[in-house]
């Protein structure tokens, strides 16, 4: 389990570093404007409840005491679409080790959500 924690921490650091480099190159740091109240590493995430595309209840506390990657995305978001292959790659590598992956879409068009779901 310690190796898994180190690997996940390393992946997070790589993602953060790449994001920082990209922001430096572009000359803007949009995240710094909005993400001022982010959770710190090793902080327990707050519980939340959502509805699935099927109208079922989803409770984040079902993953208590597990490592969870939560991917907030939208079909209209270019960065989200660009990051999707990386999320799939992380899933393929870590879900076998017990890491849960949850995608939370900001799409509001149910037809778009349905199409995205059927593509998988």
N, C-alpha and C. Protein backbone atom coordinates (compact mmCIF):
# COMPACT_ATOMS: atom_id res chain seq x y z
N UNK A 1 0.83 -1.20 0.00
CA UNK A 1 0.00 0.00 0.00
C UNK A 1 0.86 1.25 0.00
N UNK A 2 2.03 1.20 0.64
CA UNK A 2 2.92 2.36 0.67
C UNK A 2 3.40 2.68 -0.73
N UNK A 3 3.71 1.64 -1.53
CA UNK A 3 4.15 1.85 -2.91
C UNK A 3 3.04 2.53 -3.72
N UNK A 4 1.80 2.11 -3.50
CA UNK A 4 0.67 2.71 -4.20
C UNK A 4 0.53 4.19 -3.83
N UNK A 5 0.68 4.51 -2.55
CA UNK A 5 0.60 5.91 -2.11
C UNK A 5 1.70 6.75 -2.78
N UNK A 6 2.89 6.21 -2.83
CA UNK A 6 4.01 6.94 -3.45
C UNK A 6 3.75 7.14 -4.94
N UNK A 7 3.23 6.11 -5.60
CA UNK A 7 2.95 6.22 -7.03
C UNK A 7 1.88 7.26 -7.29
N UNK A 8 0.81 7.24 -6.50
CA UNK A 8 -0.26 8.22 -6.68
C UNK A 8 0.25 9.62 -6.38
N UNK A 9 1.05 9.76 -5.33
CA UNK A 9 1.62 11.07 -5.01
C UNK A 9 2.52 11.55 -6.15
N UNK A 10 3.29 10.64 -6.73
CA UNK A 10 4.17 11.00 -7.84
C UNK A 10 3.36 11.45 -9.05
N UNK A 11 2.27 10.72 -9.34
CA UNK A 11 1.42 11.12 -10.47
C UNK A 11 0.80 12.50 -10.25
N UNK A 12 0.36 12.73 -9.03
CA UNK A 12 -0.22 14.05 -8.72
C UNK A 12 0.81 15.15 -8.90
N UNK A 13 2.03 14.89 -8.45
CA UNK A 13 3.09 15.88 -8.58
C UNK A 13 3.43 16.14 -10.05
N UNK A 14 3.46 15.09 -10.86
CA UNK A 14 3.74 15.24 -12.28
C UNK A 14 2.65 16.08 -12.94
N UNK A 15 1.38 15.77 -12.64
CA UNK A 15 0.27 16.54 -13.21
C UNK A 15 0.35 18.01 -12.80
N UNK A 16 0.64 18.25 -11.52
CA UNK A 16 0.76 19.61 -11.03
C UNK A 16 1.90 20.34 -11.74
N UNK A 17 3.04 19.65 -11.89
CA UNK A 17 4.21 20.26 -12.54
C UNK A 17 3.91 20.60 -13.99
N UNK A 18 3.30 19.65 -14.71
CA UNK A 18 2.97 19.91 -16.12
C UNK A 18 1.98 21.06 -16.24
N UNK A 19 1.03 21.12 -15.35
CA UNK A 19 0.06 22.22 -15.36
C UNK A 19 0.76 23.55 -15.11
N UNK A 20 1.69 23.56 -14.15
CA UNK A 20 2.43 24.79 -13.84
C UNK A 20 3.27 25.25 -15.01
N UNK A 21 3.91 24.30 -15.68
CA UNK A 21 4.74 24.64 -16.85
C UNK A 21 3.86 25.23 -17.94
N UNK A 22 2.72 24.60 -18.19
CA UNK A 22 1.81 25.10 -19.23
C UNK A 22 1.33 26.50 -18.91
N UNK A 23 1.03 26.77 -17.64
CA UNK A 23 0.56 28.09 -17.26
C UNK A 23 1.67 29.12 -17.37
N UNK A 24 2.90 28.72 -17.06
CA UNK A 24 4.03 29.62 -17.19
C UNK A 24 4.26 29.99 -18.64
N UNK A 25 4.17 28.99 -19.52
CA UNK A 25 4.36 29.24 -20.94
C UNK A 25 3.28 30.16 -21.48
N UNK A 26 2.03 29.92 -21.06
CA UNK A 26 0.93 30.74 -21.57
C UNK A 26 0.87 32.11 -20.91
N UNK A 27 1.58 32.27 -19.79
CA UNK A 27 1.62 33.57 -19.12
C UNK A 27 0.42 33.85 -18.24
N UNK A 28 -0.42 32.86 -18.02
CA UNK A 28 -1.57 33.09 -17.16
C UNK A 28 -1.74 31.92 -16.20
N UNK A 29 -2.30 32.20 -15.07
CA UNK A 29 -2.55 31.17 -14.07
C UNK A 29 -3.99 31.29 -13.63
N UNK A 30 -4.89 30.79 -14.49
CA UNK A 30 -6.33 30.90 -14.21
C UNK A 30 -6.71 30.14 -12.95
N UNK A 31 -6.04 29.01 -12.69
CA UNK A 31 -6.37 28.24 -11.50
C UNK A 31 -6.14 29.05 -10.22
N UNK A 32 -5.11 29.86 -10.21
CA UNK A 32 -4.79 30.64 -9.02
C UNK A 32 -5.90 31.63 -8.68
N UNK A 33 -6.65 32.05 -9.70
CA UNK A 33 -7.74 32.98 -9.47
C UNK A 33 -8.94 32.31 -8.79
N UNK A 34 -9.16 31.04 -9.11
CA UNK A 34 -10.40 30.39 -8.66
C UNK A 34 -10.17 29.32 -7.60
N UNK A 35 -9.07 28.63 -7.66
CA UNK A 35 -8.84 27.48 -6.77
C UNK A 35 -8.09 27.91 -5.52
N UNK A 36 -8.68 28.81 -4.76
CA UNK A 36 -7.99 29.33 -3.59
C UNK A 36 -8.31 28.54 -2.32
N UNK A 37 -9.33 27.71 -2.36
CA UNK A 37 -9.74 26.95 -1.18
C UNK A 37 -9.60 25.45 -1.40
N UNK A 38 -8.57 25.05 -2.12
CA UNK A 38 -8.37 23.64 -2.45
C UNK A 38 -8.00 22.84 -1.21
N UNK A 39 -8.33 21.56 -1.25
CA UNK A 39 -7.92 20.66 -0.18
C UNK A 39 -6.42 20.43 -0.25
N UNK A 40 -5.83 20.31 0.87
CA UNK A 40 -4.40 20.03 0.94
C UNK A 40 -4.18 18.52 0.84
N UNK A 41 -3.00 18.08 0.38
CA UNK A 41 -2.73 16.64 0.32
C UNK A 41 -2.97 15.98 1.67
N UNK A 42 -3.47 14.77 1.62
CA UNK A 42 -3.77 13.93 2.79
C UNK A 42 -4.97 14.44 3.59
N UNK A 43 -5.72 15.40 3.05
CA UNK A 43 -6.93 15.88 3.71
C UNK A 43 -8.09 15.02 3.25
N UNK A 44 -8.94 14.64 4.18
CA UNK A 44 -10.11 13.86 3.81
C UNK A 44 -11.08 14.76 3.06
N UNK A 45 -11.53 14.29 1.92
CA UNK A 45 -12.45 15.08 1.10
C UNK A 45 -13.82 15.13 1.76
N UNK A 46 -14.53 16.25 1.62
CA UNK A 46 -15.89 16.32 2.19
C UNK A 46 -16.83 15.38 1.44
N UNK A 47 -17.79 14.85 2.15
CA UNK A 47 -18.78 13.96 1.54
C UNK A 47 -19.71 14.78 0.65
N UNK A 48 -20.16 14.15 -0.44
CA UNK A 48 -21.14 14.79 -1.30
C UNK A 48 -22.07 13.74 -1.88
N UNK A 49 -23.26 14.18 -2.25
CA UNK A 49 -24.28 13.32 -2.85
C UNK A 49 -24.69 13.92 -4.18
N UNK A 50 -24.82 13.07 -5.20
CA UNK A 50 -25.24 13.51 -6.53
C UNK A 50 -26.22 12.49 -7.10
N UNK A 51 -26.86 12.86 -8.18
CA UNK A 51 -27.69 11.92 -8.93
C UNK A 51 -26.89 11.44 -10.14
N UNK A 52 -27.00 10.15 -10.46
CA UNK A 52 -26.35 9.62 -11.65
C UNK A 52 -27.19 9.95 -12.86
N UNK A 53 -26.66 9.68 -14.04
CA UNK A 53 -27.42 9.92 -15.27
C UNK A 53 -28.69 9.10 -15.29
N UNK A 54 -28.70 7.96 -14.56
CA UNK A 54 -29.87 7.11 -14.47
C UNK A 54 -30.84 7.54 -13.37
N UNK A 55 -30.51 8.64 -12.67
CA UNK A 55 -31.38 9.14 -11.62
C UNK A 55 -31.17 8.46 -10.27
N UNK A 56 -30.15 7.61 -10.17
CA UNK A 56 -29.87 6.94 -8.90
C UNK A 56 -29.03 7.85 -8.02
N UNK A 57 -29.08 7.58 -6.72
CA UNK A 57 -28.28 8.36 -5.78
C UNK A 57 -26.83 7.88 -5.79
N UNK A 58 -25.91 8.82 -5.80
CA UNK A 58 -24.49 8.53 -5.67
C UNK A 58 -23.99 9.22 -4.42
N UNK A 59 -23.37 8.46 -3.54
CA UNK A 59 -22.84 9.02 -2.29
C UNK A 59 -21.33 8.79 -2.26
N UNK A 60 -20.60 9.85 -2.08
CA UNK A 60 -19.14 9.73 -2.06
C UNK A 60 -18.64 8.93 -0.86
N UNK A 61 -19.43 8.89 0.21
CA UNK A 61 -18.95 8.18 1.39
C UNK A 61 -18.90 6.66 1.20
N UNK A 62 -19.40 6.17 0.07
CA UNK A 62 -19.26 4.74 -0.21
C UNK A 62 -17.80 4.36 -0.50
N UNK A 63 -16.97 5.36 -0.71
CA UNK A 63 -15.55 5.14 -0.96
C UNK A 63 -14.69 5.47 0.25
N UNK A 64 -15.29 5.58 1.41
CA UNK A 64 -14.55 5.94 2.62
C UNK A 64 -13.39 4.97 2.83
N UNK A 65 -12.24 5.52 3.19
CA UNK A 65 -11.00 4.77 3.44
C UNK A 65 -10.42 4.14 2.18
N UNK A 66 -10.75 4.69 1.02
CA UNK A 66 -10.17 4.23 -0.24
C UNK A 66 -9.57 5.43 -0.96
N UNK A 67 -8.62 5.14 -1.82
CA UNK A 67 -8.11 6.19 -2.69
C UNK A 67 -9.11 6.37 -3.83
N UNK A 68 -9.44 7.63 -4.12
CA UNK A 68 -10.42 7.93 -5.15
C UNK A 68 -9.88 9.07 -6.00
N UNK A 69 -9.96 8.89 -7.32
CA UNK A 69 -9.66 9.97 -8.26
C UNK A 69 -11.01 10.48 -8.75
N UNK A 70 -11.27 11.75 -8.49
CA UNK A 70 -12.52 12.36 -8.96
C UNK A 70 -12.18 13.28 -10.12
N UNK A 71 -12.74 12.96 -11.27
CA UNK A 71 -12.48 13.73 -12.49
C UNK A 71 -13.70 14.59 -12.79
N UNK A 72 -13.57 15.90 -12.59
CA UNK A 72 -14.62 16.85 -12.95
C UNK A 72 -14.38 17.27 -14.39
N UNK A 73 -15.37 17.10 -15.26
CA UNK A 73 -15.17 17.33 -16.68
C UNK A 73 -16.47 17.81 -17.33
N UNK A 74 -16.35 18.23 -18.58
CA UNK A 74 -17.52 18.59 -19.40
C UNK A 74 -17.15 18.39 -20.86
N UNK A 75 -18.10 18.00 -21.67
CA UNK A 75 -17.82 17.74 -23.08
C UNK A 75 -17.43 19.03 -23.81
N UNK A 76 -17.87 20.19 -23.31
CA UNK A 76 -17.57 21.46 -23.94
C UNK A 76 -16.23 22.04 -23.50
N UNK A 77 -15.52 21.36 -22.60
CA UNK A 77 -14.26 21.85 -22.04
C UNK A 77 -13.07 21.26 -22.80
N UNK A 78 -12.34 22.09 -23.56
CA UNK A 78 -11.21 21.57 -24.34
C UNK A 78 -10.14 20.90 -23.48
N UNK A 79 -9.83 21.47 -22.32
CA UNK A 79 -8.82 20.86 -21.45
C UNK A 79 -9.29 19.51 -20.92
N UNK A 80 -10.59 19.40 -20.64
CA UNK A 80 -11.13 18.13 -20.15
C UNK A 80 -11.00 17.05 -21.22
N UNK A 81 -11.33 17.40 -22.45
CA UNK A 81 -11.22 16.42 -23.55
C UNK A 81 -9.76 16.04 -23.77
N UNK A 82 -8.87 17.03 -23.62
CA UNK A 82 -7.44 16.77 -23.80
C UNK A 82 -6.91 15.85 -22.69
N UNK A 83 -7.43 15.99 -21.48
CA UNK A 83 -6.97 15.18 -20.35
C UNK A 83 -7.59 13.79 -20.30
N UNK A 84 -8.67 13.56 -21.03
CA UNK A 84 -9.39 12.29 -20.95
C UNK A 84 -8.50 11.07 -21.18
N UNK A 85 -7.61 11.06 -22.19
CA UNK A 85 -6.75 9.88 -22.36
C UNK A 85 -5.84 9.64 -21.15
N UNK A 86 -5.43 10.70 -20.48
CA UNK A 86 -4.59 10.53 -19.28
C UNK A 86 -5.40 9.89 -18.14
N UNK A 87 -6.64 10.28 -18.01
CA UNK A 87 -7.50 9.70 -16.97
C UNK A 87 -7.72 8.21 -17.27
N UNK A 88 -7.95 7.88 -18.54
CA UNK A 88 -8.13 6.48 -18.92
C UNK A 88 -6.86 5.68 -18.63
N UNK A 89 -5.71 6.26 -18.95
CA UNK A 89 -4.43 5.59 -18.68
C UNK A 89 -4.25 5.36 -17.18
N UNK A 90 -4.55 6.36 -16.36
CA UNK A 90 -4.45 6.19 -14.90
C UNK A 90 -5.41 5.11 -14.42
N UNK A 91 -6.63 5.12 -14.97
CA UNK A 91 -7.61 4.10 -14.59
C UNK A 91 -7.07 2.70 -14.91
N UNK A 92 -6.57 2.53 -16.14
CA UNK A 92 -6.07 1.22 -16.55
C UNK A 92 -4.92 0.75 -15.66
N UNK A 93 -4.14 1.67 -15.15
CA UNK A 93 -3.01 1.30 -14.30
C UNK A 93 -3.39 1.07 -12.84
N UNK A 94 -4.33 1.86 -12.31
CA UNK A 94 -4.56 1.85 -10.87
C UNK A 94 -5.86 1.21 -10.38
N UNK A 95 -6.84 1.02 -11.26
CA UNK A 95 -8.10 0.44 -10.75
C UNK A 95 -7.89 -0.99 -10.25
N UNK A 96 -6.92 -1.71 -10.83
CA UNK A 96 -6.63 -3.08 -10.39
C UNK A 96 -6.07 -3.10 -8.97
N UNK A 97 -5.54 -1.97 -8.54
CA UNK A 97 -4.95 -1.86 -7.20
C UNK A 97 -5.94 -1.30 -6.18
N UNK A 98 -7.18 -1.17 -6.59
CA UNK A 98 -8.21 -0.73 -5.65
C UNK A 98 -8.51 0.75 -5.66
N UNK A 99 -7.89 1.51 -6.57
CA UNK A 99 -8.18 2.93 -6.66
C UNK A 99 -9.50 3.10 -7.42
N UNK A 100 -10.43 3.85 -6.85
CA UNK A 100 -11.72 4.10 -7.48
C UNK A 100 -11.64 5.36 -8.33
N UNK A 101 -12.34 5.36 -9.44
CA UNK A 101 -12.38 6.52 -10.33
C UNK A 101 -13.84 6.94 -10.50
N UNK A 102 -14.09 8.23 -10.28
CA UNK A 102 -15.44 8.78 -10.38
C UNK A 102 -15.38 9.97 -11.32
N UNK A 103 -16.22 9.96 -12.34
CA UNK A 103 -16.31 11.10 -13.25
C UNK A 103 -17.55 11.92 -12.93
N UNK A 104 -17.36 13.22 -12.77
CA UNK A 104 -18.48 14.12 -12.49
C UNK A 104 -18.55 15.10 -13.66
N UNK A 105 -19.63 15.00 -14.43
CA UNK A 105 -19.79 15.85 -15.60
C UNK A 105 -20.54 17.12 -15.26
N UNK A 106 -20.08 18.22 -15.85
CA UNK A 106 -20.78 19.50 -15.71
C UNK A 106 -21.72 19.74 -16.89
N UNK A 107 -21.86 18.75 -17.77
CA UNK A 107 -22.81 18.87 -18.87
C UNK A 107 -24.22 18.92 -18.32
N UNK A 108 -25.06 19.73 -18.93
CA UNK A 108 -26.45 19.83 -18.48
C UNK A 108 -27.40 19.23 -19.50
N UNK A 109 -26.93 18.99 -20.70
CA UNK A 109 -27.75 18.42 -21.76
C UNK A 109 -27.77 16.90 -21.60
N UNK A 110 -28.92 16.34 -21.24
CA UNK A 110 -29.01 14.90 -21.00
C UNK A 110 -28.68 14.09 -22.25
N UNK A 111 -28.99 14.61 -23.43
CA UNK A 111 -28.66 13.89 -24.67
C UNK A 111 -27.14 13.77 -24.81
N UNK A 112 -26.42 14.84 -24.51
CA UNK A 112 -24.96 14.81 -24.56
C UNK A 112 -24.42 13.80 -23.56
N UNK A 113 -24.94 13.82 -22.36
CA UNK A 113 -24.49 12.88 -21.33
C UNK A 113 -24.76 11.45 -21.75
N UNK A 114 -25.93 11.21 -22.31
CA UNK A 114 -26.28 9.86 -22.75
C UNK A 114 -25.33 9.40 -23.86
N UNK A 115 -25.03 10.28 -24.81
CA UNK A 115 -24.11 9.94 -25.89
C UNK A 115 -22.70 9.64 -25.35
N UNK A 116 -22.23 10.47 -24.44
CA UNK A 116 -20.90 10.26 -23.84
C UNK A 116 -20.85 8.91 -23.14
N UNK A 117 -21.92 8.57 -22.45
CA UNK A 117 -21.95 7.31 -21.70
C UNK A 117 -21.94 6.12 -22.64
N UNK A 118 -22.65 6.21 -23.75
CA UNK A 118 -22.73 5.08 -24.69
C UNK A 118 -21.43 4.89 -25.46
N UNK A 119 -20.61 5.95 -25.58
CA UNK A 119 -19.33 5.84 -26.28
C UNK A 119 -18.35 4.94 -25.55
N UNK A 120 -18.51 4.80 -24.23
CA UNK A 120 -17.56 4.03 -23.42
C UNK A 120 -17.66 2.59 -23.67
